[in-house]
Protein backbone atom coordinates (compact mmCIF):
# COMPACT_ATOMS: atom_id res chain seq x y z
CA UNK A 1 17.43 24.07 -21.54
CA UNK A 2 19.37 21.35 -24.06
CA UNK A 3 22.70 21.91 -23.82
CA UNK A 4 24.24 24.24 -26.47
CA UNK A 5 27.77 25.84 -26.71
CA UNK A 6 27.20 29.87 -26.68
CA UNK A 7 29.89 32.13 -26.57
CA UNK A 8 30.84 33.22 -23.09
CA UNK A 9 32.95 34.81 -20.27
CA UNK A 10 32.81 34.02 -16.82
CA UNK A 11 32.66 37.40 -14.50
CA UNK A 12 35.01 38.52 -11.48
CA UNK A 13 32.68 40.10 -8.91
CA UNK A 14 29.92 42.29 -7.90
CA UNK A 15 31.44 45.97 -7.87
CA UNK A 16 28.91 48.40 -6.56
CA UNK A 17 27.93 51.59 -5.57
CA UNK A 18 26.62 51.68 -1.51
CA UNK A 19 26.42 54.07 1.20
CA UNK A 20 29.38 52.38 2.76
CA UNK A 21 33.15 51.63 2.01
CA UNK A 22 32.93 47.98 0.05
CA UNK A 23 35.70 46.03 -1.55
CA UNK A 24 36.60 45.16 -4.75
CA UNK A 25 37.74 42.07 -5.66
CA UNK A 26 37.97 39.10 -8.07
CA UNK A 27 36.77 35.67 -7.18
CA UNK A 28 38.28 34.23 -10.17
CA UNK A 29 41.92 35.67 -10.31
CA UNK A 30 42.33 34.99 -6.49
CA UNK A 31 43.79 38.30 -6.30
CA UNK A 32 44.08 40.00 -3.03
CA UNK A 33 40.72 42.47 -2.17
CA UNK A 34 41.33 46.72 -2.58
CA UNK A 35 39.49 48.79 -0.94
CA UNK A 36 37.37 51.02 -3.12
CA UNK A 37 35.18 54.07 -1.91
CA UNK A 38 31.80 53.89 -3.24
CA UNK A 39 29.36 57.10 -3.49
CA UNK A 40 26.45 57.36 -1.29
CA UNK A 41 23.44 55.43 -1.70
CA UNK A 42 21.18 53.10 -0.05
CA UNK A 43 21.35 49.33 -2.05
CA UNK A 44 23.90 47.41 -2.29
CA UNK A 45 22.92 46.62 -5.92
CA UNK A 46 25.60 48.15 -8.16
CA UNK A 47 24.58 51.34 -9.92
CA UNK A 48 25.35 50.06 -13.35
CA UNK A 49 22.71 47.55 -12.61
CA UNK A 50 20.34 49.56 -10.74
CA UNK A 51 20.52 52.34 -13.57
CA UNK A 52 19.92 50.09 -16.60
CA UNK A 53 17.15 50.77 -18.49
CA UNK A 54 15.44 47.49 -18.00
CA UNK A 55 15.71 47.73 -14.40
CA UNK A 56 14.76 51.24 -13.78
CA UNK A 57 11.26 50.33 -15.82
CA UNK A 58 10.69 47.18 -14.30
CA UNK A 59 10.96 48.67 -11.19
CA UNK A 60 8.75 51.71 -11.60
CA UNK A 61 6.29 49.33 -12.99
CA UNK A 62 6.29 47.38 -10.32
CA UNK A 63 6.34 50.34 -7.83
CA UNK A 64 2.90 51.75 -9.13
CA UNK A 65 1.19 48.45 -9.06
CA UNK A 66 -1.17 48.21 -6.20
CA UNK A 67 -0.17 45.80 -3.20
CA UNK A 68 -0.19 45.12 0.38
CA UNK A 69 1.65 43.49 3.09
CA UNK A 70 5.31 42.87 3.68
CA UNK A 71 6.56 39.26 2.82
CA UNK A 72 8.88 37.60 5.17
CA UNK A 73 9.35 34.83 2.95
CA UNK A 74 9.71 34.22 -0.67
CA UNK A 75 9.42 30.80 -2.52
CA UNK A 76 9.87 30.61 -6.18
CA UNK A 77 8.90 27.73 -8.50
CA UNK A 78 10.05 27.20 -12.14
CA UNK A 79 8.68 24.99 -14.21
CA UNK A 80 11.49 24.65 -16.77
CA UNK A 81 10.32 24.85 -20.32
CA UNK A 82 6.31 25.00 -18.47
CA UNK A 83 4.65 26.81 -21.33
CA UNK A 84 0.68 27.04 -21.11
CA UNK A 85 0.33 24.20 -23.61
CA UNK A 86 2.18 21.92 -21.08
CA UNK A 87 0.04 23.79 -18.16
CA UNK A 88 -2.89 22.59 -19.98
CA UNK A 89 -2.00 19.03 -20.87
CA UNK A 90 -0.81 18.34 -17.09
CA UNK A 91 -3.87 19.53 -15.78
CA UNK A 92 -6.08 17.20 -17.88
CA UNK A 93 -3.80 14.01 -17.60
CA UNK A 94 -3.46 14.88 -14.02
CA UNK A 95 -7.41 14.68 -13.49
CA UNK A 96 -7.57 11.67 -15.94
CA UNK A 97 -5.11 10.08 -13.74
CA UNK A 98 -7.38 10.53 -11.11
CA UNK A 99 -10.36 9.12 -12.85
CA UNK A 100 -12.23 12.24 -14.26
CA UNK A 101 -12.43 13.47 -17.76
CA UNK A 102 -9.54 15.93 -16.76
CA UNK A 103 -10.33 19.49 -18.32
CA UNK A 104 -12.20 20.58 -14.80
CA UNK A 105 -9.34 19.42 -13.05
CA UNK A 106 -7.21 22.54 -11.50
CA UNK A 107 -3.52 22.07 -10.82
CA UNK A 108 -2.72 23.51 -7.27
CA UNK A 109 -1.00 26.83 -8.65
CA UNK A 110 -3.94 27.41 -10.64
CA UNK A 111 -5.78 28.05 -7.37
CA UNK A 112 -3.77 30.95 -6.75
CA UNK A 113 -5.60 34.63 -6.78
CA UNK A 114 -3.16 36.28 -8.96
CA UNK A 115 -2.23 34.91 -12.65
CA UNK A 116 -0.20 37.04 -15.11
CA UNK A 117 1.84 36.52 -18.89
CA UNK A 118 5.36 37.05 -18.87
CA UNK A 119 7.35 37.85 -21.83
CA UNK A 120 10.88 35.94 -22.15
CA UNK A 121 12.96 37.09 -24.70
CA UNK A 122 16.50 37.58 -24.37
CA UNK A 123 17.91 41.01 -25.66
CA UNK A 124 19.25 39.39 -28.60
CA UNK A 125 17.01 36.44 -29.24
CA UNK A 126 13.29 36.22 -29.62
CA UNK A 127 13.01 32.54 -28.56
CA UNK A 128 15.12 32.32 -25.18
CA UNK A 129 16.95 29.92 -23.20
CA UNK A 130 16.88 29.19 -19.70
CA UNK A 131 20.28 31.09 -18.72
CA UNK A 132 19.27 34.64 -20.13
CA UNK A 133 15.71 34.32 -18.59
CA UNK A 134 16.27 32.93 -15.53
CA UNK A 135 18.93 35.81 -14.87
CA UNK A 136 16.06 37.97 -15.54
CA UNK A 137 14.35 36.68 -13.05
CA UNK A 138 17.01 36.86 -10.26
CA UNK A 139 18.33 40.36 -11.07
CA UNK A 140 15.82 42.44 -12.74
CA UNK A 141 17.60 43.11 -15.83
CA UNK A 142 17.45 41.04 -19.01
CA UNK A 143 20.81 39.87 -20.68
CA UNK A 144 21.87 37.75 -23.59
CA UNK A 145 21.08 34.09 -24.35
CA UNK A 146 23.16 31.50 -23.08
CA UNK A 147 24.43 33.86 -19.70
CA UNK A 148 23.58 34.48 -16.19
CA UNK A 149 24.16 36.75 -13.77
CA UNK A 150 26.28 39.19 -15.94
CA UNK A 151 24.68 42.03 -18.31
CA UNK A 152 24.49 42.48 -21.92
CA UNK A 153 28.12 44.21 -22.32
CA UNK A 154 29.78 41.22 -22.00
CA UNK A 155 31.49 39.34 -25.38
CA UNK A 156 31.28 35.82 -26.15
CA UNK A 157 34.02 33.91 -25.65
CA UNK A 158 36.12 37.00 -23.68
CA UNK A 159 36.54 36.17 -20.10
CA UNK A 160 38.10 39.87 -19.28
CA UNK A 161 34.74 41.47 -20.75
CA UNK A 162 32.65 40.07 -17.77
CA UNK A 163 34.23 42.18 -15.47
CA UNK A 164 32.52 44.79 -14.04
CA UNK A 165 29.27 43.32 -15.76
CA UNK A 166 28.31 41.00 -12.85
CA UNK A 167 24.60 41.42 -11.34
CA UNK A 168 23.67 40.86 -7.32
CA UNK A 169 21.15 38.16 -7.70
CA UNK A 170 18.38 37.64 -5.47
CA UNK A 171 19.66 34.98 -3.37
CA UNK A 172 22.94 37.61 -3.00
CA UNK A 173 20.68 40.19 -1.65
CA UNK A 174 18.73 37.77 0.57
CA UNK A 175 22.19 36.49 1.86
CA UNK A 176 23.29 39.94 2.59
CA UNK A 177 20.15 40.70 4.49
CA UNK A 178 20.77 37.86 6.89
CA UNK A 179 18.05 35.59 5.43
CA UNK A 180 18.52 31.68 4.71
CA UNK A 181 18.43 30.47 1.29
CA UNK A 182 17.87 27.48 -0.67
CA UNK A 183 18.18 26.21 -4.09
CA UNK A 184 16.40 23.03 -5.17
CA UNK A 185 16.58 21.37 -8.56
CA UNK A 186 15.75 17.85 -10.49
CA UNK A 187 18.74 19.14 -12.84
CA UNK A 188 22.19 19.46 -12.13
CA UNK A 189 22.42 22.32 -9.67
CA UNK A 190 24.99 23.86 -12.01
CA UNK A 191 22.67 23.45 -14.86
CA UNK A 192 21.42 27.04 -16.07
CA UNK A 193 18.39 27.95 -13.97
CA UNK A 194 19.59 26.93 -10.08
CA UNK A 195 22.93 28.19 -11.11
CA UNK A 196 21.54 31.67 -11.98
CA UNK A 197 20.88 31.97 -8.32
CA UNK A 198 24.55 32.12 -7.11
CA UNK A 199 26.94 32.45 -10.07
CA UNK A 200 27.89 34.88 -12.73
CA UNK A 201 28.80 33.59 -15.96
CA UNK A 202 28.99 34.37 -19.74
CA UNK A 203 29.21 30.50 -20.82
CA UNK A 204 26.42 28.79 -19.16
CA UNK A 205 28.49 25.39 -20.10
CA UNK A 206 31.02 25.98 -17.95
CA UNK A 207 30.10 24.03 -15.52
CA UNK A 208 33.29 22.50 -14.45
CA UNK A 209 36.86 22.88 -15.32
CA UNK A 210 36.99 20.52 -17.84
CA UNK A 211 34.71 22.15 -19.87
CA UNK A 212 36.32 25.64 -19.85
CA UNK A 213 38.82 26.91 -22.82
CA UNK A 214 42.51 26.97 -21.39
CA UNK A 215 42.43 30.69 -22.24
CA UNK A 216 39.50 31.76 -20.30
CA UNK A 217 41.25 29.75 -17.22
CA UNK A 218 44.46 31.73 -17.79
CA UNK A 219 42.26 34.79 -17.63
CA UNK A 220 41.17 33.57 -14.06
CA UNK A 221 37.77 32.51 -14.94
CA UNK A 222 36.35 29.99 -12.91
CA UNK A 223 33.68 27.11 -13.42
CA UNK A 224 30.31 27.10 -12.30
CA UNK A 225 30.84 24.20 -9.59
CA UNK A 226 33.57 25.99 -7.84
CA UNK A 227 31.63 29.16 -7.91
CA UNK A 228 29.03 27.13 -5.78
CA UNK A 229 31.93 26.46 -3.13
CA UNK A 230 33.08 30.37 -3.32
CA UNK A 231 29.69 31.87 -3.28
CA UNK A 232 30.28 32.75 0.26
CA UNK A 233 33.92 33.97 0.16
CA UNK A 234 32.88 36.01 -3.03
CA UNK A 235 30.52 38.13 -1.44
CA UNK A 236 32.23 38.33 2.41
CA UNK A 237 35.46 39.48 0.06
CA UNK A 238 32.99 41.98 -1.31
CA UNK A 239 31.08 43.42 1.53
CA UNK A 240 32.68 42.42 4.53
CA UNK A 241 33.52 39.26 6.53
CA UNK A 242 30.24 37.95 7.76
CA UNK A 243 28.24 39.20 4.68
CA UNK A 244 27.09 35.54 3.92
CA UNK A 245 26.99 32.20 4.93
CA UNK A 246 26.82 30.87 1.43
CA UNK A 247 23.67 28.92 0.16
CA UNK A 248 22.26 27.04 3.26
CA UNK A 249 20.18 24.37 1.12
CA UNK A 250 21.49 22.98 -2.26
CA UNK A 251 19.79 19.75 -3.27
CA UNK A 252 20.08 18.54 -6.96
CA UNK A 253 21.73 16.63 -9.32
CA UNK A 254 25.50 17.17 -11.17
CA UNK A 255 27.75 15.54 -8.57
CA UNK A 256 29.91 14.77 -11.80
CA UNK A 257 30.68 18.46 -11.84
CA UNK A 258 31.98 18.41 -8.41
CA UNK A 259 34.40 15.37 -8.50
CA UNK A 260 38.07 14.78 -9.75
CA UNK A 261 38.60 12.64 -13.15
CA UNK A 262 40.35 10.40 -11.18
CA UNK A 263 37.07 9.25 -9.46
CA UNK A 264 34.78 7.36 -11.31
CA UNK A 265 32.37 9.67 -13.26
CA UNK A 266 34.07 12.55 -12.02
CA UNK A 267 34.86 15.70 -14.73
CA UNK A 268 37.30 17.95 -13.11
CA UNK A 269 40.67 18.40 -14.67
CA UNK A 270 42.00 19.98 -11.63
CA UNK A 271 41.23 16.84 -9.85
CA UNK A 272 39.84 18.67 -6.88
CA UNK A 273 37.16 17.22 -5.08
CA UNK A 274 34.98 19.79 -4.21
CA UNK A 275 32.57 17.89 -2.18
CA UNK A 276 35.03 17.32 0.30
CA UNK A 277 36.16 21.13 0.46
CA UNK A 278 32.64 22.06 0.90
CA UNK A 279 32.60 19.58 3.94
CA UNK A 280 35.82 20.69 5.54
CA UNK A 281 34.51 24.15 4.85
CA UNK A 282 31.35 23.20 6.64
CA UNK A 283 32.18 20.97 9.14
CA UNK A 284 28.73 21.03 10.84
CA UNK A 285 26.92 20.69 8.19
CA UNK A 286 25.48 17.42 5.78
CA UNK A 287 26.54 16.28 2.58
CA UNK A 288 23.76 13.94 1.38
CA UNK A 289 23.33 11.54 -1.92
CA UNK A 290 20.13 9.42 -1.22
CA UNK A 291 16.93 9.57 0.45
CA UNK A 292 18.16 7.95 3.46
CA UNK A 293 21.01 10.40 4.26
CA UNK A 294 18.42 13.66 2.97
CA UNK A 295 16.31 12.51 5.46
CA UNK A 296 18.46 12.52 8.14
CA UNK A 297 20.15 15.72 7.66
CA UNK A 298 19.03 17.83 10.92
CA UNK A 299 20.50 21.43 10.46
CA UNK A 300 22.26 23.38 7.70
CA UNK A 301 23.75 24.07 5.95
CA UNK A 302 23.07 20.76 3.45
CA UNK A 303 24.44 19.98 0.17
CA UNK A 304 22.52 17.16 -1.57
CA UNK A 305 23.85 15.68 -5.01
CA UNK A 306 21.60 12.48 -5.76
CA UNK A 307 22.89 12.00 -9.42
CA UNK A 308 26.45 12.30 -11.51
CA UNK A 309 23.98 14.40 -14.51
CA UNK A 310 20.39 15.36 -14.08
CA UNK A 311 17.89 13.09 -11.78
CA UNK A 312 15.30 10.75 -12.89
CA UNK A 313 11.85 11.54 -14.37
CA UNK A 314 9.02 11.57 -11.74
CA UNK A 315 7.28 8.88 -13.83
CA UNK A 316 11.01 6.53 -14.03
CA UNK A 317 12.58 7.23 -10.73
CA UNK A 318 11.41 4.05 -9.03
CA UNK A 319 13.79 2.39 -11.73
CA UNK A 320 16.10 4.68 -12.56
CA UNK A 321 16.26 6.60 -9.57
CA UNK A 322 15.18 4.34 -6.72
CA UNK A 323 17.29 5.99 -3.91
CA UNK A 324 16.46 9.65 -5.34
CA UNK A 325 14.36 12.07 -3.35
CA UNK A 326 11.09 13.39 -5.16
CA UNK A 327 11.06 17.32 -6.15
CA UNK A 328 8.06 17.32 -3.32
CA UNK A 329 10.39 15.35 -0.81
CA UNK A 330 13.66 17.79 -1.42
CA UNK A 331 11.38 20.60 -1.38
CA UNK A 332 9.94 20.19 2.19
CA UNK A 333 13.33 19.50 3.57
CA UNK A 334 14.50 22.34 2.40
CA UNK A 335 11.60 24.22 3.35
CA UNK A 336 11.59 22.47 6.98
CA UNK A 337 15.40 23.44 7.51
CA UNK A 338 15.27 27.17 5.89
CA UNK A 339 12.13 27.65 8.44
CA UNK A 340 14.36 26.72 11.45
CA UNK A 341 15.55 30.39 11.84
CA UNK A 342 13.10 33.19 12.31
CA UNK A 343 15.14 35.71 9.96
CA UNK A 344 13.28 34.31 6.61
CA UNK A 345 13.80 32.68 3.60
CA UNK A 346 14.51 32.36 0.15
CA UNK A 347 13.57 28.91 -1.54
CA UNK A 348 14.19 28.54 -5.49
CA UNK A 349 12.96 25.41 -6.52
CA UNK A 350 13.03 24.32 -10.36
CA UNK A 351 11.51 21.31 -12.06
CA UNK A 352 14.15 20.83 -14.56
CA UNK A 353 13.20 18.22 -16.50
CA UNK A 354 10.33 19.20 -17.94
CA UNK A 355 12.51 20.76 -20.48
CA UNK A 356 14.73 17.77 -20.76
CA UNK A 357 11.50 15.42 -21.93
CA UNK A 358 10.18 18.09 -24.34
CA UNK A 359 13.77 18.65 -25.89
CA UNK A 360 13.60 14.90 -26.55
CA UNK A 361 9.81 15.21 -27.79
CA UNK A 362 8.32 13.32 -24.87
CA UNK A 363 5.29 14.55 -23.28
CA UNK A 364 4.47 12.11 -21.30
CA UNK A 365 7.37 12.78 -19.13
CA UNK A 366 7.12 16.44 -19.68
CA UNK A 367 3.68 16.31 -18.41
CA UNK A 368 4.32 13.73 -15.02
CA UNK A 369 7.20 16.18 -14.12
CA UNK A 370 4.97 18.78 -14.37
CA UNK A 371 2.27 17.34 -12.23
CA UNK A 372 4.90 16.54 -9.73
CA UNK A 373 6.17 20.64 -9.79
CA UNK A 374 2.25 20.88 -9.06
CA UNK A 375 2.22 18.61 -5.84
CA UNK A 376 5.63 20.09 -4.43
CA UNK A 377 3.50 23.58 -4.79
CA UNK A 378 0.58 22.12 -2.99
CA UNK A 379 3.19 20.89 -0.08
CA UNK A 380 4.59 24.66 0.54
CA UNK A 381 1.11 26.13 0.48
CA UNK A 382 0.33 23.47 3.20
CA UNK A 383 3.32 24.44 5.41
CA UNK A 384 3.87 28.55 4.90
CA UNK A 385 1.35 30.98 5.89
CA UNK A 386 0.09 33.26 2.78
CA UNK A 387 0.08 36.11 5.09
CA UNK A 388 3.68 36.49 5.30
CA UNK A 389 5.53 34.10 2.37
CA UNK A 390 4.92 35.14 -1.02
CA UNK A 391 4.67 32.31 -3.34
CA UNK A 392 5.16 32.44 -7.29
CA UNK A 393 5.05 30.04 -9.88
CA UNK A 394 6.31 30.49 -13.46
CA UNK A 395 8.40 29.23 -16.27
CA UNK A 396 11.52 30.38 -18.17
CA UNK A 397 10.17 29.69 -21.65
CA UNK A 398 7.70 27.83 -23.53
CA UNK A 399 8.30 24.94 -26.15
CA UNK A 400 6.83 24.06 -29.47
CA UNK A 401 4.52 21.78 -28.18
CA UNK A 402 0.78 21.79 -29.07
CA UNK A 403 -2.73 20.30 -28.65
CA UNK A 404 -4.44 19.87 -32.03
CA UNK A 405 -7.11 18.29 -33.80
CA UNK A 406 -11.03 18.04 -32.15
CA UNK A 407 -10.40 15.46 -29.51
CA UNK A 408 -13.94 14.58 -27.25
CA UNK A 409 -14.08 15.77 -23.82
CA UNK A 410 -12.31 13.05 -21.79
CA UNK A 411 -10.40 11.69 -24.72
CA UNK A 412 -7.08 10.40 -23.36
CA UNK A 413 -4.85 13.67 -23.40
CA UNK A 414 -2.03 11.21 -24.41
CA UNK A 415 -3.69 9.08 -26.85
CA UNK A 416 -4.71 9.55 -30.57
CA UNK A 417 -7.79 11.99 -31.61
CA UNK A 418 -11.14 10.40 -31.34
CA UNK A 419 -13.78 13.17 -32.18
CA UNK A 420 -16.92 13.83 -30.39
CA UNK A 421 -19.10 12.41 -33.44
CA UNK A 422 -17.03 9.02 -33.90
CA UNK A 423 -15.75 6.07 -32.14
CA UNK A 424 -12.84 5.58 -34.12
CA UNK A 425 -9.47 7.68 -34.56
CA UNK A 426 -9.23 10.76 -36.59
CA UNK A 427 -7.79 10.22 -39.68
CA UNK A 428 -5.24 13.28 -41.94
CA UNK A 429 -5.52 13.36 -45.62
CA UNK A 430 -3.09 10.37 -45.84
CA UNK A 431 -5.65 8.00 -43.91
CA UNK A 432 -3.44 7.78 -40.84
CA UNK A 433 -4.14 8.50 -37.30
CA UNK A 434 -3.04 11.24 -35.51
CA UNK A 435 -2.36 12.54 -31.28
CA UNK A 436 -3.67 15.48 -29.72
CA UNK A 437 -0.45 16.11 -28.28
CA UNK A 438 2.36 16.89 -31.03
CA UNK A 439 5.61 18.93 -31.43
CA UNK A 440 6.34 21.56 -34.54
CA UNK A 441 9.95 20.17 -34.93
CA UNK A 442 12.85 17.94 -32.94
CA UNK A 443 13.42 14.28 -33.20
CA UNK A 444 10.06 13.09 -33.90
CA UNK A 445 8.36 9.29 -33.86
CA UNK A 446 9.64 7.15 -31.12
CA UNK A 447 7.47 4.02 -29.23
CA UNK A 448 10.46 3.34 -26.85
CA UNK A 449 13.10 5.27 -24.85
CA UNK A 450 15.90 7.55 -26.37
CA UNK A 451 19.04 5.72 -26.44
CA UNK A 452 21.96 7.73 -26.10
CA UNK A 453 25.99 7.33 -27.12
CA UNK A 454 28.55 7.54 -24.94
CA UNK A 455 29.24 11.19 -25.11
CA UNK A 456 25.28 11.87 -24.77
CA UNK A 457 24.42 12.51 -28.20
CA UNK A 458 21.28 10.78 -29.51
CA UNK A 459 22.08 7.42 -31.32
CA UNK A 460 19.26 7.34 -33.87
CA UNK A 461 18.52 9.99 -36.29
CA UNK A 462 15.64 12.33 -35.91
CA UNK A 463 12.82 10.44 -37.35
CA UNK A 464 10.25 13.31 -38.08
CA UNK A 465 7.17 13.31 -40.52
CA UNK A 466 4.07 11.30 -40.43
CA UNK A 467 3.94 7.61 -39.33
CA UNK A 468 1.42 5.18 -39.17
CA UNK A 469 1.10 4.87 -35.40
CA UNK A 470 -2.21 2.81 -35.59
CA UNK A 471 -0.78 -0.09 -33.66
CA UNK A 472 1.24 1.92 -31.15
CA UNK A 473 0.11 2.69 -27.41
CA UNK A 474 0.79 6.58 -27.64
CA UNK A 475 -0.34 6.95 -23.79
CA UNK A 476 2.75 4.87 -22.99
CA UNK A 477 5.47 6.63 -21.19
CA UNK A 478 7.92 5.87 -23.54
CA UNK A 479 5.78 7.05 -26.79
CA UNK A 480 7.84 10.13 -28.14
CA UNK A 481 5.30 12.29 -30.16
CA UNK A 482 5.75 12.76 -34.17
CA UNK A 483 7.42 16.43 -35.19
CA UNK A 484 6.89 17.89 -38.42
CA UNK A 485 10.47 19.76 -38.75
CA UNK A 486 13.57 17.12 -38.24
CA UNK A 487 16.08 18.35 -35.74
CA UNK A 488 18.22 16.71 -33.31
CA UNK A 489 16.45 18.08 -30.50
CA UNK A 490 12.89 20.04 -30.18
CA UNK A 491 13.66 23.67 -29.42
CA UNK A 492 12.19 26.69 -27.23
CA UNK A 493 9.01 28.21 -28.08
CA UNK A 494 8.89 32.46 -27.47
CA UNK A 495 5.62 33.29 -26.72
CA UNK A 496 4.75 34.71 -23.20
CA UNK A 497 4.40 32.23 -20.22
CA UNK A 498 2.12 32.37 -17.61
CA UNK A 499 3.05 33.12 -13.58
CA UNK A 500 0.90 32.57 -10.62
CA UNK A 501 1.11 34.51 -7.19
CA UNK A 502 -0.14 34.18 -3.76
CA UNK A 503 0.88 36.20 -0.26
CA UNK A 504 2.14 39.67 -0.06
CA UNK A 505 2.98 41.68 -2.82
CA UNK A 506 1.60 38.97 -5.09
CA UNK A 507 -0.87 41.87 -7.11
CA UNK A 508 2.11 43.61 -8.79
CA UNK A 509 2.35 40.02 -10.79
CA UNK A 510 -0.60 40.67 -12.64
CA UNK A 511 -0.93 41.85 -16.42
CA UNK A 512 1.06 41.15 -19.35
CA UNK A 513 4.55 41.90 -18.10
CA UNK A 514 8.86 41.49 -18.67
CA UNK A 515 10.47 38.31 -17.26
CA UNK A 516 12.44 40.55 -15.30
CA UNK A 517 9.53 42.49 -13.84
CA UNK A 518 9.21 39.10 -11.49
CA UNK A 519 12.57 40.20 -9.60
CA UNK A 520 11.01 43.58 -8.65
CA UNK A 521 7.98 41.51 -7.69
CA UNK A 522 9.93 39.56 -5.12
CA UNK A 523 12.30 42.38 -3.98
CA UNK A 524 9.61 45.09 -3.67
CA UNK A 525 7.13 42.48 -1.47
CA UNK A 526 10.32 42.16 1.16
CA UNK A 527 12.27 44.58 2.91
CA UNK A 528 15.48 42.70 2.29
CA UNK A 529 17.32 45.68 0.02
CA UNK A 530 17.07 47.86 3.18
CA UNK A 531 17.99 45.38 5.10
CA UNK A 532 20.98 44.46 3.44
CA UNK A 533 22.30 47.62 3.38
CA UNK A 534 22.07 48.63 6.91
CA UNK A 535 23.56 44.91 7.70
CA UNK A 536 26.35 45.38 5.19
CA UNK A 537 27.15 48.75 6.75
CA UNK A 538 27.09 47.45 10.44
CA UNK A 539 29.51 44.66 9.59
CA UNK A 540 32.32 47.55 10.48
CA UNK A 541 35.52 45.76 8.97
CA UNK A 542 36.90 45.40 6.09
CA UNK A 543 37.59 41.91 5.02
CA UNK A 544 41.51 40.60 5.27
């Protein structure tokens, strides 16, 4: 998801109704926790979350679907911005890279036995963003655009309004159930999609304290990087010491949000070095920053931050990110580490840069990153057992990306349209050739890499509309497709996305479903909710 400013307020802590005495506390204010009796129930999930109409409707629909078996492990793959047109074009490109026409090719996850369509809207937006959509997937409750881990009652830019709206995520539940957890992304680990697994915020842009307004900080809100560091303490304060070990494996970009501004590339105004603090809190763990150190990591926990911001595109890694591991390498390493414990695990993997390439109007990078996601899925399928592992592949939203014209079968998917009845490029009413792939809106024609200013804004204005591309190699990785409506960045699309599933409980992901149902597909496929309630009750001590 492209960065934007959304009014928001950061949450304080999970409050819930349980069959035990739990603790209410504020992870943002630093206040001492106080004990509060909760009514009897059978779940650590807060009553206001479980009683939400979004939650109960999705829960009922999934429970009524036919399924069999119980999943010990869950792997969720998220192609950020991977709409159906992206999957189609990537399938063809992958086939053509193998020397085939391409259309008959299949990406790895297209072999899964279950396919469904997912409605992606946010409660306040027909076309959604990554924050609200990933929040729905992780919590079973739809929410507003630009926020995650909180419900729709929040008021933008009002930090205190987030209190009492925090939602327990699937990763939280897995932690409480004693499972190992991992988050992998080619985007910043504090970016909306990966952060929605562990953080609660009503402003997705608060990745470090330097991006937060002073008023929000004065009200006790904390930034997303700090929430990652405090994820373990948050659940332990809420449910009792020993409730959580924190995220066991976290791999991605975003190093700048963990470092003080006094360090080159750092952005934290509080001058805290969260990497050092994480290492001090996890002396047996490993902080890794390149391929070699990732390969050398032998036990959890592992924190890997491989770039200052987002990681390199797959097709550019050799030049711009030679020391960065691939998505497949990160996924396999995380999988291997998580499998070392026998309790079961949750692994969430995001191909985050599909989205960024689309926002820039660059189909080549979007499609190659989709192909890399397919390779990561294939690697997981080769190293897990479908009898005990539920694997789902989906997207948070689509893009205004389309395939058009009447290109002949096998025509280069990144090329100009050449029809079945001619050997010359098809021409528009102005006598100009055009490409198969294009965008409804965005920055428009480019035949080189995007140049950025120091503040990460684009150095050149949008260049939309029809251009004479007769002499341009549109299959080159640096080519940016034409767009109709000039915008500084291409936008998301609002149509349904696909979900592919295999393993115990996969059958409940079938049909046309609401996005928040995916949470219930995963939760009901496991016994984690009951295990979490029993385990927390068995802790037997109130937190200090």
